[in-house]
PDB file of N, CA and C in Angstrom:
ATOM      1  N   MET A   1      31.646 178.459  54.926  1.00  0.00           N
ATOM      2  CA  MET A   1      30.619 177.286  54.422  1.00  0.00           C
ATOM      3  C   MET A   1      30.945 177.213  52.643  1.00  0.00           C
ATOM      4  N   HIS A   2      31.632 178.047  51.943  1.00  0.00           N
ATOM      5  CA  HIS A   2      31.673 177.518  50.891  1.00  0.00           C
ATOM      6  C   HIS A   2      32.513 176.255  50.592  1.00  0.00           C
ATOM      7  N   GLU A   3      33.170 175.704  51.633  1.00  0.00           N
ATOM      8  CA  GLU A   3      34.461 174.539  51.628  1.00  0.00           C
ATOM      9  C   GLU A   3      33.656 173.561  51.086  1.00  0.00           C
ATOM     10  N   TYR A   4      32.326 173.735  51.737  1.00  0.00           N
ATOM     11  CA  TYR A   4      31.210 171.958  51.363  1.00  0.00           C
ATOM     12  C   TYR A   4      31.508 171.611  50.160  1.00  0.00           C
ATOM     13  N   PRO A   5      30.840 172.567  49.073  1.00  0.00           N
ATOM     14  CA  PRO A   5      30.760 172.234  47.609  1.00  0.00           C
ATOM     15  C   PRO A   5      31.961 172.185  46.845  1.00  0.00           C
ATOM     16  N   ILE A   6      33.302 172.627  47.487  1.00  0.00           N
ATOM     17  CA  ILE A   6      34.785 172.629  47.068  1.00  0.00           C
ATOM     18  C   ILE A   6      35.020 171.169  47.389  1.00  0.00           C
ATOM     19  N   THR A   7      34.781 170.567  48.271  1.00  0.00           N
ATOM     20  CA  THR A   7      35.130 169.469  49.023  1.00  0.00           C
ATOM     21  C   THR A   7      34.220 168.464  48.283  1.00  0.00           C
ATOM     22  N   GLN A   8      33.177 168.762  48.174  1.00  0.00           N
ATOM     23  CA  GLN A   8      32.063 167.330  47.368  1.00  0.00           C
ATOM     24  C   GLN A   8      32.674 167.311  46.121  1.00  0.00           C
ATOM     25  N   HIS A   9      33.306 168.441  45.010  1.00  0.00           N
ATOM     26  CA  HIS A   9      33.656 168.249  43.704  1.00  0.00           C
ATOM     27  C   HIS A   9      35.023 167.709  44.171  1.00  0.00           C
ATOM     28  N   ILE A  10      36.289 167.625  45.059  1.00  0.00           N
ATOM     29  CA  ILE A  10      37.051 166.985  44.801  1.00  0.00           C
ATOM     30  C   ILE A  10      37.095 165.657  45.200  1.00  0.00           C
ATOM     31  N   ILE A  11      36.034 164.953  45.717  1.00  0.00           N
ATOM     32  CA  ILE A  11      35.523 164.184  46.100  1.00  0.00           C
ATOM     33  C   ILE A  11      35.156 163.375  44.885  1.00  0.00           C
ATOM     34  N   GLU A  12      33.903 163.805  43.937  1.00  0.00           N
ATOM     35  CA  GLU A  12      33.889 163.891  42.664  1.00  0.00           C
ATOM     36  C   GLU A  12      34.691 163.028  41.769  1.00  0.00           C
ATOM     37  N   MET A  13      35.992 164.313  41.830  1.00  0.00           N
ATOM     38  CA  MET A  13      36.982 163.815  40.628  1.00  0.00           C
ATOM     39  C   MET A  13      37.373 163.156  41.072  1.00  0.00           C
ATOM     40  N   ALA A  14      38.101 162.710  42.314  1.00  0.00           N
ATOM     41  CA  ALA A  14      38.916 161.353  42.649  1.00  0.00           C
ATOM     42  C   ALA A  14      38.195 160.232  42.586  1.00  0.00           C
ATOM     43  N   GLU A  15      36.869 160.244  42.981  1.00  0.00           N
ATOM     44  CA  GLU A  15      36.052 159.164  42.272  1.00  0.00           C
ATOM     45  C   GLU A  15      35.959 158.755  40.809  1.00  0.00           C
ATOM     46  N   LYS A  16      35.814 160.096  39.998  1.00  0.00           N
ATOM     47  CA  LYS A  16      35.856 159.515  38.432  1.00  0.00           C
ATOM     48  C   LYS A  16      37.222 159.076  38.334  1.00  0.00           C
ATOM     49  N   TYR A  17      37.720 159.700  38.817  1.00  0.00           N
ATOM     50  CA  TYR A  17      39.668 159.297  38.086  1.00  0.00           C
ATOM     51  C   TYR A  17      39.913 157.847  38.610  1.00  0.00           C
ATOM     52  N   ALA A  18      39.365 157.456  40.002  1.00  0.00           N
ATOM     53  CA  ALA A  18      39.190 156.170  39.966  1.00  0.00           C
ATOM     54  C   ALA A  18      38.523 154.809  39.679  1.00  0.00           C
ATOM     55  N   LYS A  19      37.608 155.344  39.196  1.00  0.00           N
ATOM     56  CA  LYS A  19      36.502 154.827  38.217  1.00  0.00           C
ATOM     57  C   LYS A  19      37.081 154.538  37.083  1.00  0.00           C
ATOM     58  N   GLU A  20      37.688 155.392  36.344  1.00  0.00           N
ATOM     59  CA  GLU A  20      38.327 155.370  35.187  1.00  0.00           C
ATOM     60  C   GLU A  20      39.387 154.549  34.886  1.00  0.00           C
ATOM     61  N   GLN A  21      40.354 154.722  36.241  1.00  0.00           N
ATOM     62  CA  GLN A  21      41.621 153.774  36.198  1.00  0.00           C
ATOM     63  C   GLN A  21      41.045 152.188  37.075  1.00  0.00           C
ATOM     64  N   GLY A  22      40.060 151.680  36.974  1.00  0.00           N
ATOM     65  CA  GLY A  22      39.509 150.364  37.523  1.00  0.00           C
ATOM     66  C   GLY A  22      39.921 150.147  38.851  1.00  0.00           C
ATOM     67  N   ALA A  23      40.058 151.513  39.504  1.00  0.00           N
ATOM     68  CA  ALA A  23      40.413 150.975  41.059  1.00  0.00           C
ATOM     69  C   ALA A  23      39.048 150.616  42.061  1.00  0.00           C
ATOM     70  N   GLY A  24      39.454 150.167  43.493  1.00  0.00           N
ATOM     71  CA  GLY A  24      38.842 149.938  43.618  1.00  0.00           C
ATOM     72  C   GLY A  24      38.173 150.958  44.659  1.00  0.00           C
ATOM     73  N   CYS A  25      39.199 151.883  45.087  1.00  0.00           N
ATOM     74  CA  CYS A  25      39.379 152.772  46.036  1.00  0.00           C
ATOM     75  C   CYS A  25      40.161 153.658  45.975  1.00  0.00           C
ATOM     76  N   VAL A  26      40.038 155.130  46.415  1.00  0.00           N
ATOM     77  CA  VAL A  26      41.014 156.039  46.409  1.00  0.00           C
ATOM     78  C   VAL A  26      41.600 156.071  47.661  1.00  0.00           C
ATOM     79  N   ARG A  27      42.915 156.025  47.881  1.00  0.00           N
ATOM     80  CA  ARG A  27      43.750 155.771  49.220  1.00  0.00           C
ATOM     81  C   ARG A  27      44.081 157.283  49.872  1.00  0.00           C
ATOM     82  N   THR A  28      44.667 158.296  48.524  1.00  0.00           N
ATOM     83  CA  THR A  28      45.518 159.256  49.348  1.00  0.00           C
ATOM     84  C   THR A  28      44.603 160.644  48.191  1.00  0.00           C
ATOM     85  N   ILE A  29      44.553 161.690  48.615  1.00  0.00           N
ATOM     86  CA  ILE A  29      44.137 163.006  47.581  1.00  0.00           C
ATOM     87  C   ILE A  29      45.304 163.803  48.320  1.00  0.00           C
ATOM     88  N   ASN A  30      45.964 164.586  47.597  1.00  0.00           N
ATOM     89  CA  ASN A  30      47.228 165.526  47.777  1.00  0.00           C
ATOM     90  C   ASN A  30      46.301 166.927  47.086  1.00  0.00           C
ATOM     91  N   LEU A  31      46.376 167.815  48.173  1.00  0.00           N
ATOM     92  CA  LEU A  31      45.364 168.889  47.473  1.00  0.00           C
ATOM     93  C   LEU A  31      46.350 170.449  48.051  1.00  0.00           C
ATOM     94  N   VAL A  32      46.653 171.324  47.333  1.00  0.00           N
ATOM     95  CA  VAL A  32      47.449 172.369  47.549  1.00  0.00           C
ATOM     96  C   VAL A  32      46.425 173.433  47.797  1.00  0.00           C
ATOM     97  N   VAL A  33      46.460 174.383  49.176  1.00  0.00           N
ATOM     98  CA  VAL A  33      45.812 175.364  49.480  1.00  0.00           C
ATOM     99  C   VAL A  33      46.593 176.435  50.217  1.00  0.00           C
ATOM    100  N   GLY A  34      46.438 177.464  49.220  1.00  0.00           N
ATOM    101  CA  GLY A  34      47.389 178.701  49.694  1.00  0.00           C
ATOM    102  C   GLY A  34      46.480 179.431  50.676  1.00  0.00           C
ATOM    103  N   ASP A  35      46.921 180.070  51.441  1.00  0.00           N
ATOM    104  CA  ASP A  35      46.500 180.839  52.398  1.00  0.00           C
ATOM    105  C   ASP A  35      45.283 181.888  51.961  1.00  0.00           C
ATOM    106  N   TYR A  36      45.860 182.633  50.678  1.00  0.00           N
ATOM    107  CA  TYR A  36      45.103 183.518  50.045  1.00  0.00           C
ATOM    108  C   TYR A  36      44.240 183.173  49.145  1.00  0.00           C
ATOM    109  N   SER A  37      43.979 181.708  49.405  1.00  0.00           N
ATOM    110  CA  SER A  37      42.986 181.016  48.013  1.00  0.00           C
ATOM    111  C   SER A  37      41.399 181.192  48.021  1.00  0.00           C
ATOM    112  N   GLY A  38      41.246 181.830  49.330  1.00  0.00           N
ATOM    113  CA  GLY A  38      39.539 181.842  49.446  1.00  0.00           C
ATOM    114  C   GLY A  38      39.260 180.815  49.935  1.00  0.00           C
ATOM    115  N   TYR A  39      39.992 179.756  50.457  1.00  0.00           N
ATOM    116  CA  TYR A  39      39.436 178.124  51.141  1.00  0.00           C
ATOM    117  C   TYR A  39      40.241 177.872  52.288  1.00  0.00           C
ATOM    118  N   VAL A  40      39.655 177.592  53.523  1.00  0.00           N
ATOM    119  CA  VAL A  40      40.372 177.268  54.361  1.00  0.00           C
ATOM    120  C   VAL A  40      40.243 175.585  54.529  1.00  0.00           C
ATOM    121  N   GLY A  41      41.512 175.417  54.511  1.00  0.00           N
ATOM    122  CA  GLY A  41      41.955 173.946  54.586  1.00  0.00           C
ATOM    123  C   GLY A  41      41.239 172.864  55.642  1.00  0.00           C
ATOM    124  N   GLU A  42      41.601 173.386  57.065  1.00  0.00           N
ATOM    125  CA  GLU A  42      40.865 173.066  57.864  1.00  0.00           C
ATOM    126  C   GLU A  42      39.536 172.569  57.735  1.00  0.00           C
ATOM    127  N   SER A  43      38.731 173.662  57.029  1.00  0.00           N
ATOM    128  CA  SER A  43      37.443 173.526  56.862  1.00  0.00           C
ATOM    129  C   SER A  43      37.207 172.170  55.785  1.00  0.00           C
ATOM    130  N   ILE A  44      37.625 172.464  54.788  1.00  0.00           N
ATOM    131  CA  ILE A  44      37.827 170.997  53.582  1.00  0.00           C
ATOM    132  C   ILE A  44      38.044 170.012  54.600  1.00  0.00           C
ATOM    133  N   ASN A  45      38.939 169.918  55.265  1.00  0.00           N
ATOM    134  CA  ASN A  45      39.531 168.590  55.784  1.00  0.00           C
ATOM    135  C   ASN A  45      38.491 168.275  57.034  1.00  0.00           C
ATOM    136  N   LEU A  46      37.675 168.828  57.791  1.00  0.00           N
ATOM    137  CA  LEU A  46      36.201 168.629  58.327  1.00  0.00           C
ATOM    138  C   LEU A  46      34.900 168.191  57.541  1.00  0.00           C
ATOM    139  N   TYR A  47      35.029 168.737  56.474  1.00  0.00           N
ATOM    140  CA  TYR A  47      34.021 168.235  55.502  1.00  0.00           C
ATOM    141  C   TYR A  47      34.402 166.959  54.870  1.00  0.00           C
ATOM    142  N   PHE A  48      35.330 166.723  54.551  1.00  0.00           N
ATOM    143  CA  PHE A  48      35.935 165.576  53.820  1.00  0.00           C
ATOM    144  C   PHE A  48      35.247 164.036  54.181  1.00  0.00           C
ATOM    145  N   ASP A  49      35.620 163.835  55.445  1.00  0.00           N
ATOM    146  CA  ASP A  49      35.300 162.675  56.086  1.00  0.00           C
ATOM    147  C   ASP A  49      33.575 162.047  56.114  1.00  0.00           C
ATOM    148  N   ILE A  50      32.689 163.420  56.263  1.00  0.00           N
ATOM    149  CA  ILE A  50      31.479 163.368  56.168  1.00  0.00           C
ATOM    150  C   ILE A  50      30.755 163.219  54.707  1.00  0.00           C
ATOM    151  N   ILE A  51      31.515 164.031  53.771  1.00  0.00           N
ATOM    152  CA  ILE A  51      30.825 163.693  52.332  1.00  0.00           C
ATOM    153  C   ILE A  51      31.441 162.455  51.393  1.00  0.00           C
ATOM    154  N   ALA A  52      32.834 162.000  52.138  1.00  0.00           N
ATOM    155  CA  ALA A  52      33.397 160.871  51.379  1.00  0.00           C
ATOM    156  C   ALA A  52      32.645 159.696  51.732  1.00  0.00           C
ATOM    157  N   GLU A  53      31.870 159.906  53.046  1.00  0.00           N
ATOM    158  CA  GLU A  53      31.366 158.354  53.473  1.00  0.00           C
ATOM    159  C   GLU A  53      30.394 157.756  52.421  1.00  0.00           C
ATOM    160  N   GLY A  54      30.573 156.637  52.383  1.00  0.00           N
ATOM    161  CA  GLY A  54      30.019 155.552  51.168  1.00  0.00           C
ATOM    162  C   GLY A  54      30.675 155.876  49.723  1.00  0.00           C
ATOM    163  N   THR A  55      31.280 156.630  49.271  1.00  0.00           N
ATOM    164  CA  THR A  55      32.173 156.895  48.080  1.00  0.00           C
ATOM    165  C   THR A  55      33.342 155.988  48.124  1.00  0.00           C
ATOM    166  N   LEU A  56      34.065 155.635  47.055  1.00  0.00           N
ATOM    167  CA  LEU A  56      35.576 155.342  46.905  1.00  0.00           C
ATOM    168  C   LEU A  56      36.392 155.953  47.663  1.00  0.00           C
ATOM    169  N   CYS A  57      36.167 157.215  48.086  1.00  0.00           N
ATOM    170  CA  CYS A  57      37.163 157.915  49.063  1.00  0.00           C
ATOM    171  C   CYS A  57      36.815 157.793  50.804  1.00  0.00           C
ATOM    172  N   GLU A  58      35.687 156.940  50.775  1.00  0.00           N
ATOM    173  CA  GLU A  58      35.361 156.872  52.118  1.00  0.00           C
ATOM    174  C   GLU A  58      36.838 156.469  53.052  1.00  0.00           C
ATOM    175  N   LYS A  59      37.331 155.740  52.955  1.00  0.00           N
ATOM    176  CA  LYS A  59      38.808 155.587  53.837  1.00  0.00           C
ATOM    177  C   LYS A  59      39.940 156.102  53.151  1.00  0.00           C
ATOM    178  N   ALA A  60      40.073 157.037  52.414  1.00  0.00           N
ATOM    179  CA  ALA A  60      40.797 157.765  51.753  1.00  0.00           C
ATOM    180  C   ALA A  60      41.729 159.069  52.920  1.00  0.00           C
ATOM    181  N   LYS A  61      42.827 159.321  52.635  1.00  0.00           N
ATOM    182  CA  LYS A  61      43.721 160.213  53.715  1.00  0.00           C
ATOM    183  C   LYS A  61      43.706 161.416  52.731  1.00  0.00           C
ATOM    184  N   LEU A  62      43.349 162.629  53.337  1.00  0.00           N
ATOM    185  CA  LEU A  62      43.541 163.708  52.691  1.00  0.00           C
ATOM    186  C   LEU A  62      44.646 164.768  53.233  1.00  0.00           C
ATOM    187  N   ASN A  63      45.412 165.044  52.444  1.00  0.00           N
ATOM    188  CA  ASN A  63      46.815 165.324  52.709  1.00  0.00           C
ATOM    189  C   ASN A  63      46.682 166.859  52.117  1.00  0.00           C
ATOM    190  N   ILE A  64      46.618 168.167  53.052  1.00  0.00           N
ATOM    191  CA  ILE A  64      46.520 169.575  52.633  1.00  0.00           C
ATOM    192  C   ILE A  64      47.950 169.993  52.891  1.00  0.00           C
ATOM    193  N   GLU A  65      48.755 170.465  51.602  1.00  0.00           N
ATOM    194  CA  GLU A  65      49.701 171.117  51.676  1.00  0.00           C
ATOM    195  C   GLU A  65      49.560 172.848  51.747  1.00  0.00           C
ATOM    196  N   ARG A  66      49.746 173.253  52.837  1.00  0.00           N
ATOM    197  CA  ARG A  66      49.416 174.797  52.928  1.00  0.00           C
ATOM    198  C   ARG A  66      50.889 175.754  52.210  1.00  0.00           C
ATOM    199  N   VAL A  67      50.145 176.649  51.421  1.00  0.00           N
ATOM    200  CA  VAL A  67      51.369 177.572  50.969  1.00  0.00           C
ATOM    201  C   VAL A  67      50.864 178.980  51.478  1.00  0.00           C
ATOM    202  N   LYS A  68      52.055 179.398  52.379  1.00  0.00           N
ATOM    203  CA  LYS A  68      51.867 180.680  52.706  1.00  0.00           C
ATOM    204  C   LYS A  68      52.057 182.070  51.761  1.00  0.00           C
ATOM    205  N   PRO A  69      51.555 183.228  51.908  1.00  0.00           N
ATOM    206  CA  PRO A  69      51.755 183.840  50.870  1.00  0.00           C
ATOM    207  C   PRO A  69      53.168 184.719  50.526  1.00  0.00           C
ATOM    208  N   LYS A  70      53.497 185.159  50.047  1.00  0.00           N
ATOM    209  CA  LYS A  70      54.791 185.658  49.673  1.00  0.00           C
ATOM    210  C   LYS A  70      54.796 187.163  49.306  1.00  0.00           C
ATOM    211  N   LEU A  71      56.217 187.952  49.433  1.00  0.00           N
ATOM    212  CA  LEU A  71      55.887 189.451  48.597  1.00  0.00           C
ATOM    213  C   LEU A  71      57.183 189.327  47.899  1.00  0.00           C
ATOM    214  N   LYS A  72      57.334 190.425  47.060  1.00  0.00           N
ATOM    215  CA  LYS A  72      58.621 190.264  46.133  1.00  0.00           C
ATOM    216  C   LYS A  72      59.016 191.299  46.709  1.00  0.00           C
ATOM    217  N   CYS A  73      60.216 191.866  46.879  1.00  0.00           N
ATOM    218  CA  CYS A  73      61.091 192.948  47.201  1.00  0.00           C
ATOM    219  C   CYS A  73      61.241 193.595  45.567  1.00  0.00           C
ATOM    220  N   THR A  74      60.984 194.989  45.670  1.00  0.00           N
ATOM    221  CA  THR A  74      61.262 195.622  44.331  1.00  0.00           C
ATOM    222  C   THR A  74      62.285 196.243  44.313  1.00  0.00           C
ATOM    223  N   SER A  75      63.380 196.078  45.466  1.00  0.00           N
ATOM    224  CA  SER A  75      64.589 196.331  44.913  1.00  0.00           C
ATOM    225  C   SER A  75      65.565 195.144  44.551  1.00  0.00           C
ATOM    226  N   CYS A  76      65.602 194.142  45.444  1.00  0.00           N
ATOM    227  CA  CYS A  76      66.500 193.118  45.356  1.00  0.00           C
ATOM    228  C   CYS A  76      65.625 191.892  44.616  1.00  0.00           C
ATOM    229  N   GLY A  77      64.567 191.554  44.613  1.00  0.00           N
ATOM    230  CA  GLY A  77      63.983 190.856  43.772  1.00  0.00           C
ATOM    231  C   GLY A  77      63.540 189.708  44.590  1.00  0.00           C
ATOM    232  N   GLU A  78      64.055 189.684  45.882  1.00  0.00           N
ATOM    233  CA  GLU A  78      63.761 188.438  47.150  1.00  0.00           C
ATOM    234  C   GLU A  78      62.421 188.142  47.245  1.00  0.00           C
ATOM    235  N   TYR A  79      61.548 186.885  47.372  1.00  0.00           N
ATOM    236  CA  TYR A  79      60.380 186.628  47.696  1.00  0.00           C
ATOM    237  C   TYR A  79      60.481 186.403  49.388  1.00  0.00           C
ATOM    238  N   PHE A  80      59.679 186.854  49.808  1.00  0.00           N
ATOM    239  CA  PHE A  80      60.176 187.105  51.409  1.00  0.00           C
ATOM    240  C   PHE A  80      58.368 186.620  52.026  1.00  0.00           C
ATOM    241  N   GLU A  81      58.149 186.266  53.361  1.00  0.00           N
ATOM    242  CA  GLU A  81      56.852 185.964  53.778  1.00  0.00           C
ATOM    243  C   GLU A  81      56.758 187.567  55.076  1.00  0.00           C
ATOM    244  N   ARG A  82      55.805 188.105  54.552  1.00  0.00           N
ATOM    245  CA  ARG A  82      55.716 189.992  55.417  1.00  0.00           C
ATOM    246  C   ARG A  82      55.616 189.274  56.619  1.00  0.00           C
ATOM    247  N   ARG A  83      56.253 190.395  57.294  1.00  0.00           N
ATOM    248  CA  ARG A  83      56.107 190.544  58.956  1.00  0.00           C
ATOM    249  C   ARG A  83      54.578 191.470  59.494  1.00  0.00           C
ATOM    250  N   PRO A  84      54.067 191.355  60.386  1.00  0.00           N
ATOM    251  CA  PRO A  84      53.160 192.103  60.895  1.00  0.00           C
ATOM    252  C   PRO A  84      53.307 193.825  60.926  1.00  0.00           C
ATOM    253  N   PHE A  85      52.628 194.291  60.267  1.00  0.00           N
ATOM    254  CA  PHE A  85      52.429 195.823  59.946  1.00  0.00           C
ATOM    255  C   PHE A  85      53.854 196.107  59.170  1.00  0.00           C
ATOM    256  N   SER A  86      54.542 195.153  58.347  1.00  0.00           N
ATOM    257  CA  SER A  86      55.542 195.661  57.650  1.00  0.00           C
ATOM    258  C   SER A  86      55.616 195.106  56.461  1.00  0.00           C
ATOM    259  N   PHE A  87      55.996 195.999  55.312  1.00  0.00           N
ATOM    260  CA  PHE A  87      56.148 195.380  53.792  1.00  0.00           C
ATOM    261  C   PHE A  87      57.432 195.283  53.507  1.00  0.00           C
ATOM    262  N   GLU A  88      58.774 195.559  54.388  1.00  0.00           N
ATOM    263  CA  GLU A  88      59.887 195.520  54.544  1.00  0.00           C
ATOM    264  C   GLU A  88      60.581 194.480  53.754  1.00  0.00           C
ATOM    265  N   CYS A  89      61.446 194.234  52.893  1.00  0.00           N
ATOM    266  CA  CYS A  89      62.322 193.257  52.651  1.00  0.00           C
ATOM    267  C   CYS A  89      63.467 192.800  53.657  1.00  0.00           C
ATOM    268  N   PRO A  90      63.251 191.541  54.573  1.00  0.00           N
ATOM    269  CA  PRO A  90      64.270 191.460  55.728  1.00  0.00           C
ATOM    270  C   PRO A  90      66.032 191.246  55.108  1.00  0.00           C
ATOM    271  N   ASP A  91      66.133 191.283  53.699  1.00  0.00           N
ATOM    272  CA  ASP A  91      67.204 191.048  53.097  1.00  0.00           C
ATOM    273  C   ASP A  91      68.103 192.694  52.876  1.00  0.00           C
ATOM    274  N   CYS A  92      67.211 193.556  52.145  1.00  0.00           N
ATOM    275  CA  CYS A  92      67.718 194.735  51.893  1.00  0.00           C
ATOM    276  C   CYS A  92      67.066 196.067  52.276  1.00  0.00           C
ATOM    277  N   GLY A  93      65.695 195.707  53.012  1.00  0.00           N
ATOM    278  CA  GLY A  93      65.176 196.809  53.300  1.00  0.00           C
ATOM    279  C   GLY A  93      64.004 197.646  52.214  1.00  0.00           C
ATOM    280  N   GLY A  94      64.253 197.182  51.110  1.00  0.00           N
ATOM    281  CA  GLY A  94      63.420 197.536  50.304  1.00  0.00           C
ATOM    282  C   GLY A  94      61.880 196.817  50.396  1.00  0.00           C
ATOM    283  N   GLU A  95      60.767 197.527  49.375  1.00  0.00           N
ATOM    284  CA  GLU A  95      59.540 197.570  50.031  1.00  0.00           C
ATOM    285  C   GLU A  95      59.143 196.275  48.982  1.00  0.00           C
ATOM    286  N   GLY A  96      58.266 195.202  49.775  1.00  0.00           N
ATOM    287  CA  GLY A  96      57.485 193.963  48.985  1.00  0.00           C
ATOM    288  C   GLY A  96      56.449 194.615  48.577  1.00  0.00           C
ATOM    289  N   GLU A  97      56.082 193.929  47.365  1.00  0.00           N
ATOM    290  CA  GLU A  97      54.476 193.792  46.651  1.00  0.00           C
ATOM    291  C   GLU A  97      54.062 192.430  46.422  1.00  0.00           C
ATOM    292  N   PRO A  98      52.844 192.593  46.363  1.00  0.00           N
ATOM    293  CA  PRO A  98      52.393 191.393  46.415  1.00  0.00           C
ATOM    294  C   PRO A  98      52.371 190.461  45.252  1.00  0.00           C
ATOM    295  N   THR A  99      52.209 189.226  45.303  1.00  0.00           N
ATOM    296  CA  THR A  99      52.910 188.003  44.263  1.00  0.00           C
ATOM    297  C   THR A  99      51.462 187.021  44.090  1.00  0.00           C
ATOM    298  N   GLU A 100      51.618 185.877  43.203  1.00  0.00           N
ATOM    299  CA  GLU A 100      50.517 185.119  43.089  1.00  0.00           C
ATOM    300  C   GLU A 100      50.810 183.709  44.360  1.00  0.00           C
ATOM    301  N   ILE A 101      52.057 184.074  44.960  1.00  0.00           N
ATOM    302  CA  ILE A 101      52.210 183.189  45.637  1.00  0.00           C
ATOM    303  C   ILE A 101      51.654 182.901  47.048  1.00  0.00           C
ATOM    304  N   GLY A 102      50.785 181.622  47.074  1.00  0.00           N
ATOM    305  CA  GLY A 102      49.527 182.135  48.254  1.00  0.00           C
ATOM    306  C   GLY A 102      48.167 181.842  48.312  1.00  0.00           C
ATOM    307  N   LYS A 103      47.840 182.150  46.650  1.00  0.00           N
ATOM    308  CA  LYS A 103      46.539 182.055  45.926  1.00  0.00           C
ATOM    309  C   LYS A 103      46.262 180.689  45.337  1.00  0.00           C
ATOM    310  N   GLU A 104      47.447 179.887  45.388  1.00  0.00           N
ATOM    311  CA  GLU A 104      47.482 178.735  44.817  1.00  0.00           C
ATOM    312  C   GLU A 104      46.083 177.740  45.538  1.00  0.00           C
ATOM    313  N   PHE A 105      45.029 176.942  44.570  1.00  0.00           N
ATOM    314  CA  PHE A 105      44.425 176.178  44.999  1.00  0.00           C
ATOM    315  C   PHE A 105      44.352 174.923  43.763  1.00  0.00           C
ATOM    316  N   TYR A 106      44.640 173.693  44.226  1.00  0.00           N
ATOM    317  CA  TYR A 106      44.589 172.421  42.976  1.00  0.00           C
ATOM    318  C   TYR A 106      44.943 171.634  43.839  1.00  0.00           C
ATOM    319  N   LEU A 107      44.190 170.461  42.959  1.00  0.00           N
ATOM    320  CA  LEU A 107      44.194 168.575  43.321  1.00  0.00           C
ATOM    321  C   LEU A 107      45.773 168.416  42.856  1.00  0.00           C
ATOM    322  N   LYS A 108      46.822 167.965  43.708  1.00  0.00           N
ATOM    323  CA  LYS A 108      48.065 167.985  43.045  1.00  0.00           C
ATOM    324  C   LYS A 108      47.973 166.531  42.581  1.00  0.00           C
ATOM    325  N   SER A 109      47.573 165.377  43.335  1.00  0.00           N
ATOM    326  CA  SER A 109      47.625 164.260  42.901  1.00  0.00           C
ATOM    327  C   SER A 109      46.579 163.308  43.623  1.00  0.00           C
ATOM    328  N   ILE A 110      46.188 161.981  43.179  1.00  0.00           N
ATOM    329  CA  ILE A 110      45.251 161.381  43.436  1.00  0.00           C
ATOM    330  C   ILE A 110      45.865 159.787  43.885  1.00  0.00           C
ATOM    331  N   GLU A 111      45.897 158.960  44.707  1.00  0.00           N
ATOM    332  CA  GLU A 111      46.612 157.679  44.747  1.00  0.00           C
ATOM    333  C   GLU A 111      45.481 156.529  44.832  1.00  0.00           C
ATOM    334  N   ILE A 112      45.524 155.972  44.378  1.00  0.00           N
ATOM    335  CA  ILE A 112      44.350 154.607  44.207  1.00  0.00           C
ATOM    336  C   ILE A 112      44.956 153.156  44.717  1.00  0.00           C
ATOM    337  N   SER A 113      43.830 152.258  44.530  1.00  0.00           N
ATOM    338  CA  SER A 113      44.428 150.951  44.606  1.00  0.00           C
ATOM    339  C   SER A 113      43.133 150.086  44.235  1.00  0.00           C
TER     340      SER A 113
END
C-alpha cells in the first residue's frame, strides 16, 4: 500500500517539471526500481493510471526498469546474482557479500511535449 503515496509523488514531480518547462503534457516517465528498494514496480504501475487521471500525466507511459540484486565475491571481486540457497560465486566458488545493487529507486527521466 505504500506504493500509492510514492506513485502520487512521482506524478506530482513530473507534472511540476512539465509546467516549469511550459509543456502541455507528460509523454513518458522512466523509473528505476531495484528489487530490494522496498517498492514493487507492478504496484506502482497499477496505481499510476488511476492517480494520473486528470493531470498532465494522464496519457503518459510509465516505463519501469527493474534492477535485480547482486552480490560481490569476496575472493575474485565479480558481481553476480544469487542462486537460491547459495552465496557461492559462479566464477571462483568464493563467498558473495551483499551490495547496494538492487536497492535503487529513482526517477531516471521525464519526456514532455
